[in-house]
């Protein structure tokens, strides 16, 4: 079995519980993302070193909540409705998605100006997750494990989910998309004092903040090389990737240099 060829596919419907529709038919106007009421889909806390990953997100319908931080010393959040636009900056750490604090939960529709290749590979990998145990590129030993687990469907599905978890981090690593995986809780001592909460020193705040990127690099680099060397995975697939223009090729070259 081979991966689904999605190079010409314009619309992707992600399954429950993270239900969302990605529409790539709008060209330079961005990726149209529709999140129905009741879906758990959201963009988790992450950042990019340059503008390749995400440039801006505009709310077209519903309520959009954006959380962000650019320094070790503070964070913020904004809530916007139709025609509200939030522009990202390189290195800014953000999370966004439907506002779930509104009295009425509505469908959220946004236009995301971002790296189309990143999101095409991500959507395609999610939709192909159940194919992984049968792919010709999946190592024989791993296909044998899945075959044995046929009689234990819960265990088999758990392993499929874990393989997808690794696969997504490979794609993120290859496209300058750094996901939060924890931090060194350096400021814990100051916040745990029984009498008042003295402000942590500057060095503690900076160390805790930058430890997020260090941990993210370790986790995602490990996933990338384990997936590449042991699991038959890639950070980007020809089956999912349309031909690039010269601008995108140049930006990817920058990402490769910065990752090294």
Protein backbone atom coordinates (compact mmCIF):
# COMPACT_ATOMS: atom_id res chain seq x y z
CA UNK A 1 0.00 0.00 0.00
CA UNK A 2 1.18 3.54 -0.73
CA UNK A 3 0.35 6.94 0.71
CA UNK A 4 -2.64 8.85 -0.65
CA UNK A 5 -1.61 11.31 -3.35
CA UNK A 6 -2.98 14.69 -2.27
CA UNK A 7 -0.86 17.10 -4.34
CA UNK A 8 -3.95 18.34 -6.21
CA UNK A 9 -6.44 18.01 -3.36
CA UNK A 10 -7.87 21.36 -2.28
CA UNK A 11 -10.03 20.46 0.72
CA UNK A 12 -9.15 18.27 3.71
CA UNK A 13 -11.67 17.20 6.36
CA UNK A 14 -9.98 16.23 9.63
CA UNK A 15 -11.78 13.61 11.77
CA UNK A 16 -13.28 13.90 15.24
CA UNK A 17 -12.66 14.94 17.94
CA UNK A 18 -10.39 17.58 16.35
CA UNK A 19 -12.81 18.21 13.50
CA UNK A 20 -11.72 20.92 11.07
CA UNK A 21 -11.79 21.63 7.34
CA UNK A 22 -8.73 23.01 5.55
CA UNK A 23 -9.44 24.67 2.19
CA UNK A 24 -6.38 25.42 0.03
CA UNK A 25 -8.30 26.80 -2.95
CA UNK A 26 -7.97 30.49 -2.06
CA UNK A 27 -4.38 31.01 -3.22
CA UNK A 28 -2.65 34.09 -1.82
CA UNK A 29 -5.70 34.89 0.34
CA UNK A 30 -4.58 32.13 2.69
CA UNK A 31 -5.73 28.74 3.93
CA UNK A 32 -9.42 28.79 4.86
CA UNK A 33 -9.91 26.82 8.10
CA UNK A 34 -13.40 25.99 9.39
CA UNK A 35 -13.82 24.68 12.94
CA UNK A 36 -17.39 23.59 13.77
CA UNK A 37 -18.94 24.22 17.17
CA UNK A 38 -18.10 21.36 19.53
CA UNK A 39 -14.77 20.51 17.91
CA UNK A 40 -11.70 20.31 20.16
CA UNK A 41 -9.40 21.55 17.37
CA UNK A 42 -7.00 24.39 18.12
CA UNK A 43 -3.44 25.41 17.32
CA UNK A 44 -1.26 24.49 20.27
CA UNK A 45 1.45 26.74 21.77
CA UNK A 46 4.26 26.98 19.21
CA UNK A 47 6.65 29.35 17.46
CA UNK A 48 8.66 29.87 14.26
CA UNK A 49 12.17 31.22 13.87
CA UNK A 50 11.17 33.05 10.66
CA UNK A 51 7.98 33.90 8.76
CA UNK A 52 7.77 30.66 6.80
CA UNK A 53 5.36 28.94 9.18
CA UNK A 54 2.64 31.52 9.84
CA UNK A 55 2.30 35.18 8.85
CA UNK A 56 -1.19 36.13 9.97
CA UNK A 57 -4.61 34.78 10.92
CA UNK A 58 -7.85 36.64 10.19
CA UNK A 59 -11.21 35.82 11.74
CA UNK A 60 -13.92 35.62 9.07
CA UNK A 61 -16.73 34.23 11.20
CA UNK A 62 -17.19 33.33 14.87
CA UNK A 63 -14.84 34.27 17.71
CA UNK A 64 -11.06 33.79 17.56
CA UNK A 65 -8.89 33.71 20.68
CA UNK A 66 -5.11 34.26 20.38
CA UNK A 67 -2.62 33.79 23.22
CA UNK A 68 0.90 35.08 22.66
CA UNK A 69 4.21 35.93 24.29
CA UNK A 70 7.33 37.50 22.82
CA UNK A 71 9.58 37.85 25.88
CA UNK A 72 10.29 35.95 29.12
CA UNK A 73 8.51 38.62 31.14
CA UNK A 74 4.89 38.60 30.07
CA UNK A 75 2.15 37.19 27.90
CA UNK A 76 -1.15 38.34 26.51
CA UNK A 77 -4.38 37.30 24.90
CA UNK A 78 -6.76 38.85 22.41
CA UNK A 79 -10.30 38.02 21.35
CA UNK A 80 -11.52 39.00 17.91
CA UNK A 81 -14.58 38.57 15.74
CA UNK A 82 -15.30 38.98 12.02
CA UNK A 83 -12.56 40.79 10.05
CA UNK A 84 -10.19 40.95 13.01
CA UNK A 85 -6.63 40.10 11.98
CA UNK A 86 -3.61 39.10 14.06
CA UNK A 87 -0.12 39.27 12.50
CA UNK A 88 2.64 37.01 13.83
CA UNK A 89 6.28 37.95 14.39
CA UNK A 90 9.34 35.68 14.07
CA UNK A 91 10.04 33.96 17.37
CA UNK A 92 6.68 34.96 18.88
CA UNK A 93 5.10 32.08 20.79
CA UNK A 94 1.40 31.70 20.11
CA UNK A 95 -1.64 29.47 20.52
CA UNK A 96 -4.97 30.17 18.89
CA UNK A 97 -8.34 28.70 18.12
CA UNK A 98 -12.07 29.08 18.77
CA UNK A 99 -13.04 31.08 21.83
CA UNK A 100 -14.66 28.63 24.22
CA UNK A 101 -15.51 31.31 26.79
CA UNK A 102 -18.30 32.81 24.70
CA UNK A 103 -21.87 32.16 25.89
CA UNK A 104 -22.74 30.71 22.50
CA UNK A 105 -20.28 28.44 20.68
CA UNK A 106 -20.32 29.19 16.96
CA UNK A 107 -18.44 27.81 14.00
CA UNK A 108 -15.07 29.53 13.60
CA UNK A 109 -13.81 30.36 10.11
CA UNK A 110 -10.36 31.90 9.69
CA UNK A 111 -7.98 32.73 6.86
CA UNK A 112 -4.43 31.68 7.74
CA UNK A 113 -1.56 33.06 5.66
CA UNK A 114 1.07 30.41 6.24
CA UNK A 115 3.33 27.75 4.74
CA UNK A 116 0.93 25.70 2.63
CA UNK A 117 3.38 22.78 2.38
CA UNK A 118 3.51 22.43 6.17
CA UNK A 119 -0.27 22.26 6.49
CA UNK A 120 -0.76 20.03 3.44
CA UNK A 121 1.70 17.49 4.83
CA UNK A 122 0.14 17.73 8.29
CA UNK A 123 -3.44 17.22 7.06
CA UNK A 124 -2.44 14.41 4.71
CA UNK A 125 -0.47 12.58 7.41
CA UNK A 126 -3.45 12.75 9.80
CA UNK A 127 -5.80 11.35 7.16
CA UNK A 128 -3.29 8.63 6.21
CA UNK A 129 -2.63 7.57 9.82
CA UNK A 130 -4.64 4.35 9.53
CA UNK A 131 -2.68 3.39 6.40
CA UNK A 132 0.67 3.45 8.19
CA UNK A 133 0.58 -0.20 9.39
CA UNK A 134 0.22 -1.37 5.77
CA UNK A 135 2.50 1.05 3.91
CA UNK A 136 5.31 -0.42 1.84
CA UNK A 137 7.65 2.13 3.46
CA UNK A 138 6.82 0.93 6.98
CA UNK A 139 9.61 -1.42 8.16
CA UNK A 140 8.76 -5.12 8.04
CA UNK A 141 9.31 -5.58 11.78
CA UNK A 142 6.83 -2.79 12.55
CA UNK A 143 4.24 -4.19 10.14
CA UNK A 144 4.62 -7.51 11.95
CA UNK A 145 3.93 -5.80 15.28
CA UNK A 146 0.76 -4.25 13.86
CA UNK A 147 -0.29 -7.63 12.46
CA UNK A 148 0.05 -9.23 15.90
CA UNK A 149 -1.95 -6.38 17.44
CA UNK A 150 -4.84 -7.02 15.06
CA UNK A 151 -6.37 -9.12 17.84
CA UNK A 152 -5.89 -6.27 20.33
CA UNK A 153 -7.63 -3.35 18.59
CA UNK A 154 -7.20 -0.90 21.47
CA UNK A 155 -3.44 -1.52 21.62
CA UNK A 156 -3.17 -1.33 17.84
CA UNK A 157 -5.01 1.99 17.73
CA UNK A 158 -2.78 3.35 20.50
CA UNK A 159 0.30 2.43 18.48
CA UNK A 160 -1.17 4.07 15.36
CA UNK A 161 -1.74 7.24 17.41
CA UNK A 162 1.85 7.15 18.71
CA UNK A 163 3.23 6.75 15.18
CA UNK A 164 1.17 9.75 14.08
CA UNK A 165 2.51 11.73 17.06
CA UNK A 166 6.08 11.03 15.90
CA UNK A 167 5.20 11.71 12.26
CA UNK A 168 3.70 15.12 12.99
CA UNK A 169 6.77 16.17 14.95
CA UNK A 170 8.96 15.12 12.05
CA UNK A 171 6.93 17.36 9.75
CA UNK A 172 7.05 20.21 12.26
CA UNK A 173 10.82 19.83 12.70
CA UNK A 174 11.35 19.97 8.94
CA UNK A 175 9.26 23.14 8.60
CA UNK A 176 10.41 25.42 11.43
CA UNK A 177 7.34 24.72 13.58
CA UNK A 178 8.50 24.40 17.18
CA UNK A 179 5.89 22.94 19.53
CA UNK A 180 5.88 23.37 23.30
CA UNK A 181 6.91 20.17 25.10
CA UNK A 182 7.54 21.51 28.59
CA UNK A 183 10.01 23.75 30.38
CA UNK A 184 12.40 23.88 33.32
CA UNK A 185 10.24 25.26 36.12
CA UNK A 186 13.00 27.55 37.35
CA UNK A 187 10.64 30.11 38.92
CA UNK A 188 8.94 27.50 41.12
CA UNK A 189 10.97 28.37 44.25
CA UNK A 190 9.94 32.03 44.25
CA UNK A 191 6.29 31.28 43.53
CA UNK A 192 6.07 28.65 46.28
CA UNK A 193 7.07 30.90 49.19
CA UNK A 194 4.42 30.78 51.97
CA UNK A 195 4.68 34.50 52.77
CA UNK A 196 4.10 36.48 49.60
CA UNK A 197 5.38 35.72 46.14
CA UNK A 198 8.59 37.67 45.43
CA UNK A 199 9.33 38.33 41.78
CA UNK A 200 11.83 35.83 40.35
CA UNK A 201 15.15 37.31 39.21
CA UNK A 202 15.59 38.14 35.54
CA UNK A 203 17.91 35.20 34.90
CA UNK A 204 15.32 32.71 36.23
CA UNK A 205 12.58 34.05 33.94
CA UNK A 206 14.91 33.99 30.93
CA UNK A 207 16.17 30.48 31.66
CA UNK A 208 12.64 29.11 32.05
CA UNK A 209 11.52 30.82 28.84
CA UNK A 210 14.42 29.64 26.70
CA UNK A 211 14.29 26.13 28.16
CA UNK A 212 11.03 25.72 26.22
CA UNK A 213 12.92 25.96 22.93
CA UNK A 214 15.75 23.71 24.11
CA UNK A 215 13.33 20.97 25.19
CA UNK A 216 11.32 21.36 21.99
CA UNK A 217 14.49 20.94 19.90
CA UNK A 218 15.52 17.79 21.78
CA UNK A 219 12.08 16.15 21.56
CA UNK A 220 11.46 17.02 17.93
CA UNK A 221 14.97 16.22 16.72
CA UNK A 222 14.71 12.84 18.46
CA UNK A 223 11.37 12.18 16.74
CA UNK A 224 12.83 13.24 13.40
CA UNK A 225 15.81 10.89 13.49
CA UNK A 226 13.95 7.98 15.08
CA UNK A 227 11.25 8.32 12.43
CA UNK A 228 13.77 8.65 9.61
CA UNK A 229 16.15 5.86 10.65
CA UNK A 230 13.82 3.34 12.30
CA UNK A 231 10.21 3.94 11.22
CA UNK A 232 10.44 4.64 7.49
CA UNK A 233 9.05 8.17 7.83
CA UNK A 234 9.95 11.52 6.25
CA UNK A 235 9.57 15.15 7.23
CA UNK A 236 7.91 15.87 3.91
CA UNK A 237 6.32 13.60 1.29
CA UNK A 238 6.22 13.88 -2.50
CA UNK A 239 2.74 12.37 -2.37
CA UNK A 240 1.51 15.36 -0.35
CA UNK A 241 3.61 18.22 -1.75
CA UNK A 242 2.76 20.29 -4.85
CA UNK A 243 5.61 21.85 -6.80
CA UNK A 244 7.09 24.86 -5.03
CA UNK A 245 7.72 28.29 -6.38
CA UNK A 246 11.19 29.89 -6.14
CA UNK A 247 10.27 32.01 -3.07
CA UNK A 248 9.27 28.95 -1.04
CA UNK A 249 12.43 27.08 -2.05
CA UNK A 250 14.53 30.00 -0.82
CA UNK A 251 12.68 30.16 2.50
CA UNK A 252 13.15 26.42 3.03
CA UNK A 253 16.88 26.82 2.45
CA UNK A 254 16.91 29.41 5.25
CA UNK A 255 15.12 26.99 7.58
CA UNK A 256 17.65 24.23 6.84
CA UNK A 257 20.56 26.52 7.64
CA UNK A 258 18.96 27.76 10.89
CA UNK A 259 18.15 24.20 12.01
CA UNK A 260 21.79 23.20 11.54
